[in-house]
C-alpha cells in the first residue's frame, strides 16, 4: 500500500462503509447494554453485601464503556463530516495528507503523524 495523497472523495469511498458499519455496531451495543447501566436497586434484606457490590461494579463498568462508545461515535461523526466537506484524509492542523497506513489503523484519525506527535 502506498502512502501517496489521494483525493478526499476517493478516500471517503474507501472508508465510509467501514465507519458506517462501526457506527451501527456501536449504536446496537449501546441499545443492548441499556439495562446494565440502569440504577441498581437491591433489596437490602434479601441480597448480600457482595452481591450488591458486584451489581454496582457491573453498573459502573457498563457506564464507563458507554462513555467510551459515545466518544468513538463522536469521532466517527466527525470523520463522516470531513468526508462530506471534502476534507477527509487530510490533517485538520496542517492540511497535509494523513497517510493510508494511519487511516487504515483508524479512519477517524484527524491529524497527521507530525501534528499528533
N, C-alpha and C. Protein backbone atom coordinates (compact mmCIF):
# COMPACT_ATOMS: atom_id res chain seq x y z
N UNK A 1 0.84 -1.17 0.00
CA UNK A 1 0.00 0.00 0.00
C UNK A 1 0.89 1.24 0.00
N UNK A 2 0.54 2.19 -0.82
CA UNK A 2 1.35 3.40 -0.90
C UNK A 2 0.84 4.44 0.07
N UNK A 3 1.69 5.42 0.30
CA UNK A 3 1.34 6.50 1.21
C UNK A 3 1.30 7.81 0.43
N UNK A 4 0.73 7.77 -0.75
CA UNK A 4 0.65 8.96 -1.59
C UNK A 4 -0.70 9.61 -1.41
N UNK A 5 -0.75 10.93 -1.52
CA UNK A 5 -2.03 11.63 -1.36
C UNK A 5 -3.06 11.17 -2.39
N UNK A 6 -4.28 11.12 -1.95
CA UNK A 6 -5.40 10.80 -2.82
C UNK A 6 -6.44 11.88 -2.64
N UNK A 7 -7.36 11.97 -3.59
CA UNK A 7 -8.38 12.99 -3.41
C UNK A 7 -9.36 12.52 -2.32
N UNK A 8 -9.95 13.48 -1.65
CA UNK A 8 -10.80 13.20 -0.49
C UNK A 8 -11.99 12.33 -0.87
N UNK A 9 -12.51 12.47 -2.07
CA UNK A 9 -13.67 11.67 -2.50
C UNK A 9 -13.30 10.19 -2.61
N UNK A 10 -12.12 9.91 -3.14
CA UNK A 10 -11.65 8.53 -3.24
C UNK A 10 -11.45 7.94 -1.85
N UNK A 11 -10.86 8.72 -0.96
CA UNK A 11 -10.66 8.27 0.42
C UNK A 11 -11.98 8.01 1.12
N UNK A 12 -12.94 8.88 0.89
CA UNK A 12 -14.26 8.72 1.52
C UNK A 12 -14.91 7.42 1.07
N UNK A 13 -14.82 7.12 -0.21
CA UNK A 13 -15.40 5.87 -0.71
C UNK A 13 -14.72 4.66 -0.06
N UNK A 14 -13.43 4.77 0.14
CA UNK A 14 -12.66 3.67 0.70
C UNK A 14 -13.04 3.37 2.15
N UNK A 15 -13.32 4.39 2.92
CA UNK A 15 -13.51 4.21 4.37
C UNK A 15 -14.94 4.39 4.86
N UNK A 16 -15.84 4.89 4.05
CA UNK A 16 -17.20 5.17 4.51
C UNK A 16 -17.91 3.92 5.01
N UNK A 17 -17.84 2.83 4.27
CA UNK A 17 -18.53 1.61 4.67
C UNK A 17 -18.00 1.09 6.01
N UNK A 18 -16.71 1.21 6.21
CA UNK A 18 -16.10 0.77 7.47
C UNK A 18 -16.66 1.61 8.63
N UNK A 19 -16.70 2.92 8.44
CA UNK A 19 -17.20 3.80 9.50
C UNK A 19 -18.70 3.60 9.73
N UNK A 20 -19.47 3.43 8.67
CA UNK A 20 -20.90 3.19 8.83
C UNK A 20 -21.16 1.89 9.59
N UNK A 21 -20.41 0.84 9.28
CA UNK A 21 -20.58 -0.44 9.95
C UNK A 21 -20.21 -0.33 11.44
N UNK A 22 -19.11 0.37 11.72
CA UNK A 22 -18.71 0.53 13.12
C UNK A 22 -19.74 1.34 13.90
N UNK A 23 -20.28 2.37 13.27
CA UNK A 23 -21.30 3.19 13.93
C UNK A 23 -22.52 2.33 14.25
N UNK A 24 -22.95 1.50 13.32
CA UNK A 24 -24.10 0.63 13.55
C UNK A 24 -23.84 -0.32 14.71
N UNK A 25 -22.63 -0.86 14.80
CA UNK A 25 -22.29 -1.75 15.90
C UNK A 25 -22.31 -1.02 17.24
N UNK A 26 -21.79 0.20 17.25
CA UNK A 26 -21.77 0.97 18.49
C UNK A 26 -23.18 1.32 18.96
N UNK A 27 -24.03 1.70 18.03
CA UNK A 27 -25.42 2.04 18.37
C UNK A 27 -26.12 0.80 18.93
N UNK A 28 -25.92 -0.35 18.28
CA UNK A 28 -26.55 -1.58 18.74
C UNK A 28 -26.04 -1.99 20.12
N UNK A 29 -24.73 -1.86 20.33
CA UNK A 29 -24.15 -2.20 21.63
C UNK A 29 -24.70 -1.29 22.73
N UNK A 30 -24.90 -0.02 22.41
CA UNK A 30 -25.47 0.91 23.39
C UNK A 30 -26.90 0.51 23.74
N UNK A 31 -27.66 0.16 22.73
CA UNK A 31 -29.04 -0.26 22.97
C UNK A 31 -29.08 -1.56 23.78
N UNK A 32 -28.21 -2.50 23.44
CA UNK A 32 -28.20 -3.79 24.12
C UNK A 32 -27.76 -3.68 25.58
N UNK A 33 -26.94 -2.71 25.91
CA UNK A 33 -26.41 -2.62 27.27
C UNK A 33 -27.16 -1.60 28.13
N UNK A 34 -28.25 -1.09 27.63
CA UNK A 34 -29.00 -0.08 28.38
C UNK A 34 -29.42 -0.54 29.76
N UNK A 35 -29.86 -1.77 29.88
CA UNK A 35 -30.33 -2.29 31.17
C UNK A 35 -29.18 -2.37 32.17
N UNK A 36 -27.99 -2.69 31.69
CA UNK A 36 -26.84 -2.82 32.59
C UNK A 36 -26.42 -1.49 33.19
N UNK A 37 -26.80 -0.38 32.54
CA UNK A 37 -26.42 0.94 33.04
C UNK A 37 -27.49 1.55 33.93
N UNK A 38 -28.60 0.89 34.09
CA UNK A 38 -29.69 1.42 34.92
C UNK A 38 -29.28 1.43 36.38
N UNK A 39 -29.95 2.27 37.15
CA UNK A 39 -29.69 2.36 38.59
C UNK A 39 -29.92 1.01 39.24
N UNK A 40 -28.98 0.61 40.07
CA UNK A 40 -29.07 -0.66 40.77
C UNK A 40 -29.99 -0.49 41.97
N UNK A 41 -31.05 -1.28 41.97
CA UNK A 41 -31.98 -1.27 43.10
C UNK A 41 -32.00 -2.67 43.70
N UNK A 42 -31.46 -2.77 44.86
CA UNK A 42 -31.39 -4.08 45.52
C UNK A 42 -32.07 -4.03 46.87
N UNK A 43 -32.74 -5.09 47.18
CA UNK A 43 -33.38 -5.24 48.49
C UNK A 43 -32.30 -5.58 49.51
N UNK A 44 -32.07 -4.70 50.44
CA UNK A 44 -31.02 -4.87 51.44
C UNK A 44 -31.21 -6.15 52.27
N UNK A 45 -32.45 -6.61 52.40
CA UNK A 45 -32.74 -7.76 53.24
C UNK A 45 -32.46 -9.08 52.53
N UNK A 46 -32.66 -9.13 51.21
CA UNK A 46 -32.57 -10.42 50.51
C UNK A 46 -31.27 -10.60 49.73
N UNK A 47 -30.49 -9.55 49.57
CA UNK A 47 -29.26 -9.64 48.78
C UNK A 47 -28.08 -9.34 49.68
N UNK A 48 -27.06 -10.15 49.56
CA UNK A 48 -25.88 -9.97 50.39
C UNK A 48 -25.03 -8.79 49.95
N UNK A 49 -24.12 -8.40 50.84
CA UNK A 49 -23.24 -7.25 50.59
C UNK A 49 -22.40 -7.44 49.34
N UNK A 50 -21.86 -8.62 49.12
CA UNK A 50 -21.02 -8.87 47.95
C UNK A 50 -21.84 -8.81 46.66
N UNK A 51 -23.06 -9.30 46.71
CA UNK A 51 -23.92 -9.22 45.52
C UNK A 51 -24.23 -7.78 45.17
N UNK A 52 -24.47 -6.95 46.18
CA UNK A 52 -24.72 -5.53 45.93
C UNK A 52 -23.49 -4.88 45.32
N UNK A 53 -22.32 -5.21 45.86
CA UNK A 53 -21.08 -4.63 45.34
C UNK A 53 -20.84 -5.07 43.90
N UNK A 54 -21.10 -6.34 43.61
CA UNK A 54 -20.95 -6.84 42.23
C UNK A 54 -21.89 -6.10 41.28
N UNK A 55 -23.12 -5.90 41.71
CA UNK A 55 -24.10 -5.21 40.86
C UNK A 55 -23.68 -3.77 40.61
N UNK A 56 -23.20 -3.09 41.64
CA UNK A 56 -22.75 -1.71 41.49
C UNK A 56 -21.51 -1.62 40.60
N UNK A 57 -20.60 -2.57 40.77
CA UNK A 57 -19.41 -2.59 39.93
C UNK A 57 -19.79 -2.84 38.46
N UNK A 58 -20.70 -3.76 38.22
CA UNK A 58 -21.17 -4.03 36.86
C UNK A 58 -21.81 -2.80 36.24
N UNK A 59 -22.60 -2.08 37.02
CA UNK A 59 -23.23 -0.86 36.53
C UNK A 59 -22.18 0.19 36.18
N UNK A 60 -21.18 0.35 37.04
CA UNK A 60 -20.13 1.34 36.79
C UNK A 60 -19.32 0.98 35.55
N UNK A 61 -19.03 -0.29 35.36
CA UNK A 61 -18.29 -0.72 34.18
C UNK A 61 -19.10 -0.49 32.91
N UNK A 62 -20.39 -0.78 32.96
CA UNK A 62 -21.26 -0.57 31.79
C UNK A 62 -21.35 0.92 31.46
N UNK A 63 -21.42 1.76 32.49
CA UNK A 63 -21.48 3.21 32.27
C UNK A 63 -20.18 3.73 31.66
N UNK A 64 -19.05 3.23 32.15
CA UNK A 64 -17.75 3.66 31.61
C UNK A 64 -17.59 3.23 30.16
N UNK A 65 -18.04 2.03 29.84
CA UNK A 65 -17.97 1.55 28.46
C UNK A 65 -18.84 2.39 27.55
N UNK A 66 -19.99 2.82 28.05
CA UNK A 66 -20.88 3.67 27.26
C UNK A 66 -20.23 5.03 26.98
N UNK A 67 -19.51 5.56 27.94
CA UNK A 67 -18.79 6.82 27.73
C UNK A 67 -17.77 6.65 26.60
N UNK A 68 -17.06 5.54 26.61
CA UNK A 68 -16.09 5.27 25.54
C UNK A 68 -16.79 5.11 24.19
N UNK A 69 -17.93 4.42 24.18
CA UNK A 69 -18.69 4.27 22.93
C UNK A 69 -19.12 5.63 22.39
N UNK A 70 -19.60 6.49 23.26
CA UNK A 70 -20.04 7.81 22.82
C UNK A 70 -18.89 8.63 22.25
N UNK A 71 -17.72 8.52 22.86
CA UNK A 71 -16.54 9.20 22.34
C UNK A 71 -16.17 8.71 20.95
N UNK A 72 -16.22 7.39 20.79
CA UNK A 72 -15.90 6.82 19.47
C UNK A 72 -16.95 7.23 18.45
N UNK A 73 -18.20 7.24 18.84
CA UNK A 73 -19.26 7.67 17.92
C UNK A 73 -19.04 9.12 17.49
N UNK A 74 -18.63 9.96 18.42
CA UNK A 74 -18.37 11.37 18.08
C UNK A 74 -17.22 11.48 17.07
N UNK A 75 -16.20 10.65 17.25
CA UNK A 75 -15.08 10.65 16.29
C UNK A 75 -15.54 10.19 14.91
N UNK A 76 -16.42 9.20 14.87
CA UNK A 76 -16.94 8.72 13.59
C UNK A 76 -17.78 9.80 12.92
N UNK A 77 -18.63 10.46 13.69
CA UNK A 77 -19.46 11.54 13.14
C UNK A 77 -18.56 12.64 12.56
N UNK A 78 -17.49 12.97 13.26
CA UNK A 78 -16.57 14.00 12.78
C UNK A 78 -15.89 13.56 11.49
N UNK A 79 -15.50 12.29 11.42
CA UNK A 79 -14.87 11.77 10.19
C UNK A 79 -15.86 11.79 9.03
N UNK A 80 -17.11 11.41 9.28
CA UNK A 80 -18.13 11.44 8.23
C UNK A 80 -18.37 12.87 7.76
N UNK A 81 -18.33 13.80 8.69
CA UNK A 81 -18.49 15.21 8.32
C UNK A 81 -17.32 15.67 7.43
N UNK A 82 -16.12 15.25 7.79
CA UNK A 82 -14.96 15.60 6.95
C UNK A 82 -15.09 14.99 5.57
N UNK A 83 -15.70 13.81 5.49
CA UNK A 83 -15.94 13.19 4.17
C UNK A 83 -16.88 14.06 3.34
N UNK A 84 -17.94 14.54 3.97
CA UNK A 84 -18.94 15.34 3.26
C UNK A 84 -18.39 16.70 2.83
N UNK A 85 -17.44 17.22 3.58
CA UNK A 85 -16.89 18.55 3.25
C UNK A 85 -15.63 18.46 2.39
N UNK A 86 -15.22 17.22 2.04
CA UNK A 86 -14.05 17.06 1.19
C UNK A 86 -12.72 17.21 1.90
N UNK A 87 -12.73 17.09 3.22
CA UNK A 87 -11.50 17.27 4.00
C UNK A 87 -10.97 15.96 4.57
N UNK A 88 -11.66 14.86 4.31
CA UNK A 88 -11.26 13.58 4.89
C UNK A 88 -9.91 13.14 4.33
N UNK A 89 -9.05 12.65 5.23
CA UNK A 89 -7.74 12.15 4.84
C UNK A 89 -6.64 13.18 4.92
N UNK A 90 -7.02 14.40 5.27
CA UNK A 90 -6.05 15.48 5.36
C UNK A 90 -6.08 16.05 6.78
N UNK A 91 -4.90 16.37 7.29
CA UNK A 91 -4.73 16.82 8.66
C UNK A 91 -5.52 18.10 8.92
N UNK A 92 -6.24 18.12 10.02
CA UNK A 92 -7.02 19.30 10.39
C UNK A 92 -6.13 20.44 10.87
N UNK A 93 -4.88 20.12 11.23
CA UNK A 93 -3.96 21.15 11.71
C UNK A 93 -3.14 21.76 10.59
N UNK A 94 -2.43 20.91 9.83
CA UNK A 94 -1.51 21.43 8.81
C UNK A 94 -2.02 21.27 7.39
N UNK A 95 -3.07 20.47 7.18
CA UNK A 95 -3.62 20.27 5.85
C UNK A 95 -2.89 19.22 5.03
N UNK A 96 -1.84 18.62 5.59
CA UNK A 96 -1.10 17.59 4.88
C UNK A 96 -1.84 16.26 4.86
N UNK A 97 -1.45 15.41 3.93
CA UNK A 97 -2.06 14.08 3.82
C UNK A 97 -1.72 13.25 5.05
N UNK A 98 -2.73 12.62 5.63
CA UNK A 98 -2.54 11.83 6.84
C UNK A 98 -1.76 10.55 6.55
N UNK A 99 -2.06 9.92 5.46
CA UNK A 99 -1.38 8.68 5.08
C UNK A 99 -2.28 7.48 5.19
N UNK A 100 -2.23 6.63 4.18
CA UNK A 100 -3.10 5.45 4.17
C UNK A 100 -2.82 4.49 5.32
N UNK A 101 -1.56 4.23 5.65
CA UNK A 101 -1.36 3.31 6.79
C UNK A 101 -2.01 3.81 8.08
N UNK A 102 -1.93 5.09 8.32
CA UNK A 102 -2.54 5.68 9.53
C UNK A 102 -4.06 5.60 9.45
N UNK A 103 -4.63 5.88 8.29
CA UNK A 103 -6.08 5.80 8.11
C UNK A 103 -6.57 4.35 8.17
N UNK A 104 -5.75 3.42 7.69
CA UNK A 104 -6.13 2.01 7.77
C UNK A 104 -6.26 1.55 9.22
N UNK A 105 -5.40 2.06 10.09
CA UNK A 105 -5.46 1.70 11.51
C UNK A 105 -6.68 2.34 12.16
N UNK A 106 -6.92 3.61 11.86
CA UNK A 106 -8.05 4.33 12.45
C UNK A 106 -8.56 5.38 11.47
N UNK A 107 -9.64 5.06 10.75
CA UNK A 107 -10.17 6.00 9.77
C UNK A 107 -10.71 7.30 10.37
N UNK A 108 -10.84 7.36 11.69
CA UNK A 108 -11.33 8.60 12.31
C UNK A 108 -10.19 9.56 12.62
N UNK A 109 -8.97 9.15 12.35
CA UNK A 109 -7.81 10.00 12.62
C UNK A 109 -7.95 11.32 11.88
N UNK A 110 -7.74 12.40 12.61
CA UNK A 110 -7.91 13.74 12.03
C UNK A 110 -6.59 14.48 11.87
N UNK A 111 -5.51 13.91 12.40
CA UNK A 111 -4.22 14.59 12.35
C UNK A 111 -3.15 13.68 11.76
N UNK A 112 -2.19 14.28 11.10
CA UNK A 112 -1.06 13.52 10.58
C UNK A 112 -0.14 13.14 11.73
N UNK A 113 0.81 12.29 11.45
CA UNK A 113 1.74 11.82 12.48
C UNK A 113 2.54 12.97 13.09
N UNK A 114 2.96 13.93 12.26
CA UNK A 114 3.76 15.05 12.76
C UNK A 114 2.97 15.94 13.71
N UNK A 115 1.72 16.21 13.37
CA UNK A 115 0.91 17.10 14.21
C UNK A 115 0.40 16.39 15.47
N UNK A 116 0.12 15.11 15.36
CA UNK A 116 -0.37 14.35 16.50
C UNK A 116 0.72 14.17 17.55
N UNK A 117 1.93 14.06 17.07
CA UNK A 117 3.06 13.95 18.00
C UNK A 117 3.48 12.57 18.29
